[in-house]
Amino acid sequence: MEEARKNTQTPVGGEEKNTQQGCFSISGEWTTDRALCMQPTPTHAQEQTTDHSDEERIQQAQQEELRRQMESRYKAPPEMDQKRIVLLSLITQTSQRLSALRDAGIVTNAEQRQFVDSSIEWLRGGEAYFTENRSDEELDQMVGYIRQIAEYGQEVVRQARTVAENAGQTQSNIGEIFHRTERLLLVFPDVLAILTREGITVDPSLSGDYSALVQYFQTIKTACASNAASCNALDDVLTGMQHLQASVQSVLAVAGKPEVEALIKEVVQSRTK
């Protein structure tokens, strides 16, 4: 008890110090004057800076991860990119052949030039479309579509120009040209039937345009059999076919049914071999 009493006595020389209320001054001396207490070094600003730096690093990491995901999603694998490059080469070569045909002066009348010009413009549109990565399905579908319509149509046009230049050609060769054109022309009813069956709405005027084109083709075919100069009018039929093809392509694009486009491609290929 005596020891405890001594420990609680007031220090010699003055008032009892309340150690709970005292502090060290900036000079290192003990004081009960709170105004002289040495203040702790602020840490809030540093913490904020550290927090802000961490937040920036997190954001940078998130952005980097997003960039990698986007690249992985939109960057085509090597084999698909190679297929796209081959398709672009095909489009370019076909466009160049048509341009050479036009620039050589073989195309003389307005209808002929319109057919060649519209074909070149169409191919350029395809070239622009495939400068970006596309799905493997789109590549396959468009390769077939461009080859069977543009390239086949170009070949028919080339042969028609040859007929116009060489009036002395044999009648059998002229007949073959008309036969190939007729096969392509007669595929159109099957295309319309597929579109109707799949519930894809088409412009009702297409049927009328097609019927008129068939009648005109038969008239030209008959006239060409007796007068080679009349064979030149085949270009008008080819121009009409180009318009029909563009209408079908537009309808398919709006419908967004690649499986129907693939089916039409198969039908056209089987009927025009």
Protein backbone atom coordinates (compact mmCIF):
# COMPACT_ATOMS: atom_id res chain seq x y z
CA MET A 1 0.00 0.00 0.00
CA GLU A 2 2.82 2.36 0.85
CA GLU A 3 4.44 1.64 -2.50
CA ALA A 4 1.21 2.31 -4.29
CA ARG A 5 0.77 5.58 -2.39
CA LYS A 6 4.23 6.74 -3.39
CA ASN A 7 3.52 5.99 -7.02
CA THR A 8 0.42 8.20 -6.95
CA GLN A 9 1.98 11.17 -5.15
CA THR A 10 2.27 14.51 -6.87
CA PRO A 11 5.76 15.02 -8.37
CA VAL A 12 8.07 17.24 -6.40
CA GLY A 13 7.93 20.88 -7.22
CA GLY A 14 4.50 21.47 -8.53
CA GLU A 15 1.11 20.37 -9.73
CA GLU A 16 0.18 16.86 -10.74
CA LYS A 17 0.74 16.22 -14.41
CA ASN A 18 -2.05 14.46 -16.26
CA THR A 19 -0.13 12.18 -18.57
CA GLN A 20 -3.26 11.50 -20.48
CA GLN A 21 -3.55 15.21 -21.41
CA GLY A 22 0.14 16.02 -21.83
CA CYS A 23 2.32 15.91 -24.95
CA PHE A 24 5.76 16.69 -26.29
CA SER A 25 6.34 20.13 -27.73
CA ILE A 26 8.25 20.70 -30.95
CA SER A 27 11.37 21.29 -28.79
CA GLY A 28 11.02 17.85 -27.23
CA GLU A 29 9.81 18.99 -23.78
CA TRP A 30 6.77 17.59 -21.98
CA THR A 31 3.87 20.04 -21.74
CA THR A 32 0.21 20.06 -20.84
CA ASP A 33 -0.49 22.99 -23.15
CA ARG A 34 -2.16 21.36 -26.12
CA ALA A 35 -1.43 24.40 -28.26
CA LEU A 36 2.31 23.62 -28.02
CA CYS A 37 1.93 19.97 -28.87
CA MET A 38 3.92 18.76 -31.84
CA GLN A 39 1.43 17.74 -34.55
CA PRO A 40 1.82 14.43 -36.39
CA THR A 41 2.97 14.59 -39.99
CA PRO A 42 -0.08 14.63 -42.26
CA THR A 43 -0.45 11.46 -44.29
CA HIS A 44 -3.76 12.06 -46.03
CA ALA A 45 -2.32 13.79 -49.06
CA GLN A 46 0.24 11.04 -49.55
CA GLU A 47 -2.44 8.40 -49.19
CA GLN A 48 -4.53 10.17 -51.77
CA THR A 49 -1.60 10.30 -54.14
CA THR A 50 -0.91 6.62 -53.61
CA ASP A 51 -4.57 5.73 -54.08
CA HIS A 52 -4.74 7.81 -57.25
CA SER A 53 -1.60 6.14 -58.61
CA ASP A 54 -3.05 2.69 -57.91
CA GLU A 55 -6.29 3.67 -59.62
CA GLU A 56 -4.40 4.79 -62.71
CA ARG A 57 -2.49 1.53 -62.83
CA ILE A 58 -5.73 -0.44 -62.55
CA GLN A 59 -7.30 1.59 -65.35
CA GLN A 60 -4.24 1.08 -67.55
CA ALA A 61 -4.34 -2.66 -66.92
CA GLN A 62 -8.04 -2.78 -67.76
CA GLN A 63 -7.49 -0.81 -70.97
CA GLU A 64 -4.64 -3.10 -72.00
CA GLU A 65 -6.76 -6.18 -71.38
CA LEU A 66 -9.63 -4.67 -73.39
CA ARG A 67 -7.24 -3.91 -76.25
CA ARG A 68 -6.01 -7.52 -76.27
CA GLN A 69 -9.57 -8.82 -76.27
CA MET A 70 -10.54 -6.55 -79.17
CA GLU A 71 -7.49 -7.60 -81.17
CA SER A 72 -8.24 -11.25 -80.50
CA ARG A 73 -11.83 -10.78 -81.60
CA TYR A 74 -11.29 -8.81 -84.78
CA LYS A 75 -7.90 -9.98 -85.98
CA ALA A 76 -8.46 -12.72 -88.55
CA PRO A 77 -6.41 -15.92 -88.34
CA PRO A 78 -3.68 -16.29 -91.01
CA GLU A 79 -5.61 -18.78 -93.16
CA MET A 80 -8.73 -16.59 -93.25
CA ASP A 81 -6.71 -13.49 -94.03
CA GLN A 82 -5.01 -15.36 -96.88
CA LYS A 83 -8.42 -16.31 -98.31
CA ARG A 84 -9.48 -12.66 -98.16
CA ILE A 85 -6.30 -11.63 -100.00
CA VAL A 86 -6.99 -14.19 -102.74
CA LEU A 87 -10.53 -12.86 -103.10
CA LEU A 88 -9.27 -9.29 -103.38
CA SER A 89 -6.89 -10.43 -106.10
CA LEU A 90 -9.77 -12.07 -107.98
CA ILE A 91 -11.86 -8.92 -107.74
CA THR A 92 -8.96 -6.75 -108.91
CA GLN A 93 -8.13 -8.98 -111.88
CA THR A 94 -11.75 -9.13 -113.02
CA SER A 95 -12.10 -5.37 -112.74
CA GLN A 96 -8.87 -4.85 -114.69
CA ARG A 97 -10.03 -7.13 -117.51
CA LEU A 98 -13.29 -5.24 -117.81
CA SER A 99 -11.44 -1.92 -117.76
CA ALA A 100 -9.11 -3.11 -120.52
CA LEU A 101 -12.12 -4.18 -122.58
CA ARG A 102 -13.69 -0.76 -122.16
CA ASP A 103 -10.48 1.21 -122.78
CA ALA A 104 -9.71 -0.75 -125.95
CA GLY A 105 -12.70 0.90 -127.61
CA ILE A 106 -14.57 -2.36 -128.15
CA VAL A 107 -17.51 -1.00 -126.14
CA THR A 108 -19.14 1.50 -128.46
CA ASN A 109 -22.79 2.07 -127.57
CA ALA A 110 -24.18 3.59 -124.38
CA GLU A 111 -25.83 0.37 -123.17
CA GLN A 112 -22.63 -1.62 -123.54
CA ARG A 113 -20.60 0.99 -121.70
CA GLN A 114 -23.18 1.15 -118.92
CA PHE A 115 -22.94 -2.60 -118.40
CA VAL A 116 -19.15 -2.57 -118.21
CA ASP A 117 -19.03 0.57 -116.04
CA SER A 118 -21.62 -0.76 -113.58
CA SER A 119 -19.76 -4.08 -113.36
CA ILE A 120 -16.48 -2.31 -112.62
CA GLU A 121 -18.18 -0.14 -110.00
CA TRP A 122 -19.77 -3.19 -108.41
CA LEU A 123 -16.42 -4.97 -108.20
CA ARG A 124 -14.82 -1.90 -106.65
CA GLY A 125 -17.53 -1.93 -104.00
CA GLY A 126 -16.68 -5.56 -103.26
CA GLU A 127 -13.01 -4.66 -103.05
CA ALA A 128 -13.74 -1.92 -100.52
CA TYR A 129 -15.95 -4.26 -98.48
CA PHE A 130 -13.27 -6.92 -98.17
CA THR A 131 -10.45 -4.57 -97.20
CA GLU A 132 -11.67 -5.27 -93.66
CA ASN A 133 -11.75 -8.65 -91.94
CA ARG A 134 -14.90 -10.65 -92.67
CA SER A 135 -16.17 -14.00 -91.47
CA ASP A 136 -15.13 -17.18 -93.23
CA GLU A 137 -18.76 -17.75 -94.24
CA GLU A 138 -18.97 -14.32 -95.87
CA LEU A 139 -15.74 -14.93 -97.75
CA ASP A 140 -16.99 -18.24 -99.17
CA GLN A 141 -20.38 -16.85 -100.13
CA MET A 142 -19.01 -13.74 -101.79
CA VAL A 143 -16.30 -15.65 -103.65
CA GLY A 144 -18.94 -17.83 -105.25
CA TYR A 145 -21.28 -14.94 -105.91
CA ILE A 146 -18.65 -12.75 -107.54
CA ARG A 147 -17.24 -15.56 -109.63
CA GLN A 148 -20.53 -16.89 -110.94
CA ILE A 149 -22.11 -13.52 -111.70
CA ALA A 150 -19.28 -11.08 -112.43
CA GLU A 151 -16.76 -13.42 -114.02
CA TYR A 152 -19.32 -15.46 -115.93
CA GLY A 153 -21.07 -12.30 -117.11
CA GLN A 154 -17.73 -10.83 -118.13
CA GLU A 155 -16.95 -13.88 -120.23
CA VAL A 156 -20.31 -13.66 -121.97
CA VAL A 157 -19.72 -9.98 -122.68
CA ARG A 158 -16.26 -10.73 -124.04
CA GLN A 159 -17.62 -13.34 -126.40
CA ALA A 160 -20.43 -11.06 -127.47
CA ARG A 161 -17.86 -8.39 -128.39
CA THR A 162 -15.95 -11.00 -130.38
CA VAL A 163 -19.11 -11.80 -132.30
CA ALA A 164 -19.60 -8.13 -133.12
CA GLU A 165 -16.01 -7.79 -134.32
CA ASN A 166 -15.95 -10.96 -136.36
CA ALA A 167 -19.13 -11.04 -138.39
CA GLY A 168 -17.71 -14.00 -140.30
CA GLN A 169 -17.85 -16.28 -137.26
CA THR A 170 -19.55 -19.62 -137.73
CA GLN A 171 -23.19 -19.87 -136.77
CA SER A 172 -22.42 -22.70 -134.33
CA ASN A 173 -20.20 -20.42 -132.19
CA ILE A 174 -22.85 -17.72 -132.12
CA GLY A 175 -25.38 -20.30 -131.04
CA GLU A 176 -23.14 -21.38 -128.16
CA ILE A 177 -22.88 -17.82 -126.89
CA PHE A 178 -26.65 -17.42 -126.90
CA HIS A 179 -27.05 -20.82 -125.28
CA ARG A 180 -24.81 -19.83 -122.36
CA THR A 181 -26.64 -16.54 -121.95
CA GLU A 182 -29.99 -18.29 -121.99
CA ARG A 183 -28.92 -20.74 -119.29
CA LEU A 184 -27.99 -17.88 -116.99
CA LEU A 185 -31.19 -16.02 -117.80
CA LEU A 186 -33.43 -19.02 -117.10
CA VAL A 187 -32.04 -19.44 -113.58
CA PHE A 188 -33.91 -16.36 -112.38
CA PRO A 189 -37.33 -18.06 -111.86
CA ASP A 190 -35.64 -20.57 -109.57
CA VAL A 191 -34.07 -17.72 -107.61
CA LEU A 192 -37.46 -16.01 -107.20
CA ALA A 193 -39.01 -19.31 -106.09
CA ILE A 194 -36.36 -19.76 -103.40
CA LEU A 195 -36.87 -16.22 -102.11
CA THR A 196 -40.64 -16.68 -101.97
CA ARG A 197 -40.35 -20.04 -100.22
CA GLU A 198 -38.04 -18.56 -97.60
CA GLY A 199 -40.44 -15.71 -96.89
CA ILE A 200 -38.23 -13.01 -98.39
CA THR A 201 -40.26 -10.22 -99.97
CA VAL A 202 -39.21 -9.09 -103.44
CA ASP A 203 -40.36 -6.22 -105.61
CA PRO A 204 -43.37 -7.47 -107.65
CA SER A 205 -42.04 -5.60 -110.68
CA LEU A 206 -39.09 -8.01 -110.92
CA SER A 207 -41.27 -10.73 -112.41
CA GLY A 208 -42.55 -8.37 -115.10
CA ASP A 209 -39.06 -7.11 -115.86
CA TYR A 210 -37.81 -10.66 -116.18
CA SER A 211 -40.64 -11.71 -118.54
CA ALA A 212 -39.99 -8.71 -120.78
CA LEU A 213 -36.27 -9.51 -120.80
CA VAL A 214 -36.89 -13.12 -121.83
CA GLN A 215 -39.13 -12.03 -124.71
CA TYR A 216 -36.52 -9.53 -125.86
CA PHE A 217 -33.83 -12.20 -125.69
CA GLN A 218 -35.87 -14.56 -127.89
CA THR A 219 -36.39 -11.76 -130.43
CA ILE A 220 -32.66 -11.03 -130.57
CA LYS A 221 -31.82 -14.72 -130.82
CA THR A 222 -34.08 -15.12 -133.84
CA ALA A 223 -32.74 -11.97 -135.51
CA CYS A 224 -29.13 -13.00 -134.88
CA ALA A 225 -29.68 -16.32 -136.62
CA SER A 226 -30.34 -14.50 -139.91
CA ASN A 227 -28.22 -11.36 -139.47
CA ALA A 228 -24.93 -11.40 -137.51
CA ALA A 229 -25.08 -7.64 -136.97
CA SER A 230 -28.21 -8.15 -134.87
CA CYS A 231 -26.23 -10.24 -132.38
CA ASN A 232 -24.81 -7.01 -130.97
CA ALA A 233 -28.12 -6.40 -129.22
CA LEU A 234 -27.26 -9.20 -126.82
CA ASP A 235 -25.59 -6.52 -124.73
CA ASP A 236 -29.01 -5.09 -123.88
CA VAL A 237 -30.02 -8.46 -122.43
CA LEU A 238 -26.84 -8.63 -120.38
CA THR A 239 -27.51 -5.16 -119.00
CA GLY A 240 -30.99 -6.26 -117.97
CA MET A 241 -29.56 -9.34 -116.28
CA GLN A 242 -27.18 -7.11 -114.35
CA HIS A 243 -30.13 -5.10 -112.99
CA LEU A 244 -31.98 -8.27 -111.93
CA GLN A 245 -28.88 -9.58 -110.19
CA ALA A 246 -28.39 -6.29 -108.33
CA SER A 247 -32.02 -6.38 -107.14
CA VAL A 248 -31.66 -9.91 -105.80
CA GLN A 249 -28.39 -9.03 -104.07
CA SER A 250 -30.06 -6.04 -102.39
CA VAL A 251 -32.97 -8.16 -101.14
CA LEU A 252 -30.62 -10.78 -99.71
CA ALA A 253 -28.58 -8.13 -97.93
CA VAL A 254 -31.69 -6.72 -96.25
CA ALA A 255 -33.01 -10.18 -95.30
CA GLY A 256 -29.75 -11.13 -93.60
CA LYS A 257 -30.09 -14.85 -94.39
CA PRO A 258 -26.70 -16.17 -95.52
CA GLU A 259 -28.04 -19.72 -95.79
CA VAL A 260 -30.50 -18.59 -98.49
CA GLU A 261 -27.72 -16.85 -100.39
CA ALA A 262 -25.65 -20.04 -100.22
CA LEU A 263 -28.58 -22.06 -101.59
CA ILE A 264 -29.06 -19.64 -104.49
CA LYS A 265 -25.35 -19.88 -105.27
CA GLU A 266 -25.58 -23.66 -105.50
CA VAL A 267 -28.59 -23.48 -107.81
CA VAL A 268 -26.94 -20.95 -110.13
CA GLN A 269 -23.73 -22.97 -110.29
CA SER A 270 -25.54 -26.21 -111.11
CA ARG A 271 -27.62 -24.58 -113.84
CA THR A 272 -24.80 -22.67 -115.55
CA LYS A 273 -22.04 -25.28 -115.73
